[in-house]
Protein backbone atom coordinates (compact mmCIF):
# COMPACT_ATOMS: atom_id res chain seq x y z
CA MET A 1 18.94 -50.95 0.34
CA ALA A 2 19.47 -48.61 3.31
CA LYS A 3 19.64 -51.63 5.65
CA GLN A 4 22.78 -52.84 3.87
CA ILE A 5 24.71 -49.63 4.67
CA PRO A 6 26.25 -49.44 8.17
CA ILE A 7 24.52 -47.02 10.57
CA ASN A 8 27.70 -44.97 11.16
CA GLN A 9 27.99 -44.26 7.44
CA LEU A 10 24.32 -43.22 7.23
CA ARG A 11 24.70 -40.79 10.14
CA SER A 12 27.86 -39.14 8.85
CA THR A 13 27.70 -36.13 6.53
CA ARG A 14 28.91 -36.45 2.98
CA GLU A 15 31.67 -34.19 1.78
CA GLU A 16 30.42 -34.28 -1.83
CA GLN A 17 27.06 -32.74 -0.89
CA SER A 18 28.46 -30.04 1.38
CA ASN A 19 31.02 -28.83 -1.22
CA ASN A 20 28.57 -28.47 -4.09
CA ASN A 21 29.45 -24.83 -4.81
CA ASP A 22 30.37 -25.23 -8.47
CA LYS A 23 27.00 -23.94 -9.65
CA ILE A 24 25.88 -20.33 -9.43
CA PRO A 25 22.13 -19.93 -8.80
CA PHE A 26 20.46 -17.44 -11.14
CA VAL A 27 16.98 -16.74 -9.75
CA ILE A 28 14.41 -14.65 -11.63
CA THR A 29 10.67 -14.18 -11.24
CA HIS A 30 8.90 -16.08 -13.99
CA ASN A 31 7.20 -14.01 -16.64
CA PRO A 32 6.57 -15.46 -20.11
CA ARG A 33 7.16 -12.03 -21.68
CA ASN A 34 10.65 -11.66 -20.18
CA PHE A 35 13.74 -11.86 -22.33
CA LYS A 36 15.78 -15.07 -21.96
CA PHE A 37 18.45 -14.02 -19.46
CA ILE A 38 20.52 -17.21 -19.13
CA PRO A 39 22.38 -16.96 -22.48
CA VAL A 40 23.20 -13.31 -21.74
CA ALA A 41 24.35 -14.12 -18.20
CA LYS A 42 26.54 -17.01 -19.42
CA ALA A 43 28.09 -14.83 -22.10
CA ASN A 44 28.95 -12.10 -19.59
CA LEU A 45 30.14 -14.38 -16.79
CA SER A 46 33.71 -14.06 -18.10
CA ILE A 47 33.56 -10.32 -17.34
CA LEU A 48 33.06 -11.11 -13.66
CA GLY A 49 35.99 -13.54 -13.85
CA GLN A 50 38.33 -10.71 -14.82
CA ASP A 51 38.07 -9.22 -11.34
CA GLU A 52 40.47 -10.80 -8.86
CA LYS A 53 37.98 -10.89 -5.96
CA MET A 54 35.16 -12.31 -8.08
CA ARG A 55 37.42 -14.98 -9.59
CA ARG A 56 37.56 -16.70 -6.18
CA PHE A 57 33.78 -17.09 -6.15
CA ILE A 58 33.36 -18.11 -9.77
CA ASN A 59 35.04 -21.49 -10.20
CA SER A 60 33.08 -22.64 -13.21
CA GLU A 61 30.73 -21.13 -15.71
CA THR A 62 27.79 -23.31 -14.71
CA LEU A 63 24.67 -21.30 -13.99
CA LEU A 64 21.74 -22.93 -12.27
CA GLN A 65 18.59 -21.35 -13.68
CA SER A 66 15.76 -21.00 -11.18
CA LYS A 67 12.42 -19.35 -11.70
CA ARG A 68 10.48 -17.93 -8.81
CA GLN A 69 6.70 -18.06 -9.02
CA PRO A 70 5.23 -14.57 -9.41
CA GLN A 71 2.70 -13.21 -6.95
CA ASN A 72 -0.83 -14.17 -7.80
CA LEU A 73 -3.69 -11.69 -7.92
CA LYS A 74 -4.82 -12.50 -4.38
CA ARG A 75 -1.37 -11.73 -2.96
CA LEU A 76 -1.19 -8.48 -4.88
CA LEU A 77 -4.57 -7.29 -3.60
CA THR A 78 -4.47 -8.44 0.03
CA ARG A 79 -2.26 -7.35 2.90
CA ALA A 80 -1.49 -8.90 6.25
CA ARG A 81 -1.97 -5.57 8.00
CA PHE A 82 -5.44 -4.64 9.14
CA ASP A 83 -6.29 -0.97 8.92
CA GLN A 84 -8.10 0.51 11.85
CA LYS A 85 -11.35 2.14 10.88
CA ARG A 86 -11.10 5.88 11.43
CA THR A 87 -14.07 7.88 12.49
CA PHE A 88 -14.30 11.25 10.78
CA SER A 89 -16.00 14.29 12.22
CA VAL A 90 -16.87 17.92 11.67
CA SER A 91 -15.05 20.37 13.93
CA LYS A 92 -14.58 24.11 14.30
CA CYS A 93 -11.39 25.76 13.04
CA ARG A 94 -10.93 27.68 16.34
CA ASP A 95 -10.04 30.89 14.57
CA SER A 96 -11.40 33.82 16.60
CA ARG A 97 -12.23 35.77 13.41
CA CYS A 98 -14.09 32.89 11.71
CA GLY A 99 -17.65 33.79 10.84
CA ALA A 100 -18.78 30.19 10.29
CA CYS A 101 -17.69 28.60 13.58
CA PRO A 102 -20.78 29.69 15.58
CA TYR A 103 -23.03 27.99 13.02
CA ILE A 104 -21.11 24.73 12.51
CA HIS A 105 -22.75 21.56 13.85
CA VAL A 106 -19.87 19.67 15.49
CA GLY A 107 -19.92 15.87 15.57
CA LYS A 108 -19.73 12.68 13.58
CA ARG A 109 -23.34 12.62 12.34
CA MET A 110 -26.17 15.02 11.70
CA TYR A 111 -29.78 13.91 11.89
CA ILE A 112 -32.31 15.74 9.75
CA PRO A 113 -36.09 15.73 10.41
CA ASN A 114 -37.03 13.22 7.70
CA GLY A 115 -35.09 10.50 9.59
CA VAL A 116 -31.97 10.50 7.44
CA SER A 117 -28.59 10.45 9.16
CA LEU A 118 -25.80 12.36 7.40
CA PHE A 119 -22.17 11.51 8.11
CA THR A 120 -18.79 12.65 6.78
CA ASN A 121 -16.23 10.54 4.99
CA GLU A 122 -13.27 12.73 6.04
CA ASP A 123 -12.37 15.29 8.69
CA ILE A 124 -14.00 18.65 7.94
CA THR A 125 -13.47 22.13 9.39
CA CYS A 126 -14.60 25.62 8.39
CA LYS A 127 -11.51 25.88 6.19
CA SER A 128 -12.30 22.71 4.16
CA GLU A 129 -12.99 23.10 0.43
CA ASN A 130 -15.21 21.24 -2.07
CA LEU A 131 -18.03 20.57 0.35
CA ILE A 132 -21.55 19.27 0.29
CA TYR A 133 -23.23 21.21 3.07
CA CYS A 134 -26.55 21.25 4.87
CA ILE A 135 -28.20 24.51 6.03
CA LYS A 136 -31.24 24.54 8.31
CA CYS A 137 -33.49 27.61 8.36
CA ASN A 138 -34.24 28.64 11.94
CA GLY A 139 -37.54 30.24 10.90
CA CYS A 140 -39.31 27.51 8.92
CA GLN A 141 -37.04 24.56 9.86
CA GLU A 142 -36.55 23.81 6.16
CA ILE A 143 -33.36 21.95 5.16
CA TYR A 144 -31.25 23.02 2.20
CA ILE A 145 -28.45 20.78 0.91
CA GLY A 146 -25.94 22.35 -1.46
CA GLN A 147 -22.48 22.01 -2.90
CA THR A 148 -19.57 24.46 -3.10
CA GLY A 149 -15.97 24.48 -4.29
CA ASN A 150 -15.16 27.25 -1.81
CA THR A 151 -14.50 26.91 1.89
CA ALA A 152 -17.37 26.86 4.38
CA VAL A 153 -16.36 30.34 5.59
CA ASP A 154 -16.57 31.79 2.06
CA ARG A 155 -19.90 30.08 1.39
CA SER A 156 -21.45 31.21 4.67
CA SER A 157 -20.41 34.84 4.14
CA LEU A 158 -22.15 34.80 0.74
CA THR A 159 -25.31 33.31 2.24
CA TRP A 160 -25.59 35.78 5.11
CA ARG A 161 -25.04 38.83 2.87
CA THR A 162 -28.03 38.01 0.68
C-alpha cells in the first residue's frame, strides 16, 4: 500500500497530525484505591473556560485520560547514588580540662587479648553519650566491658573516685 503513494507525499509532514491539540492530557499515577478523577475534571473544566487566558488553551472539553505506572518496590528501595563507606573512629575531645582524654584509646579498632577486635559504628569522643565502653586494668590486665548513658568523662570520674 505504501508503494502506491508518491515518495514526495510520504516525506511531507501532515497538517492533521501536527495540529492535534484538541485533547487535553490528564495524567495520573495509577492506584486502584484512587478516586475516579476524570468525571470530576470534566465537570470542572468549564470553570477553567471562564478565564480569558485559559479559554485560548481549552478549545474543547475532551480530556485524554492517561495513567502512569507507579514505582515498583525495587525502584522505591534502590537508588542510583552509591554511598561512600565512612570509617568511624574514637578521638579525644581536646578539652584541656577533660579528665578522660589521657585514658582514651584513639583509633578505629581496639584489639583485646582474647583475639577479638572491637570497632565503633559512629564517631566517638569523650563527650559522647550512651556508650558501651571497655576498661583495661593496668595491674592485672583484666578487661571490663560496660555500658553507660552518661558521657565518657562522667563515667570515668565515677570509676576513678571509687
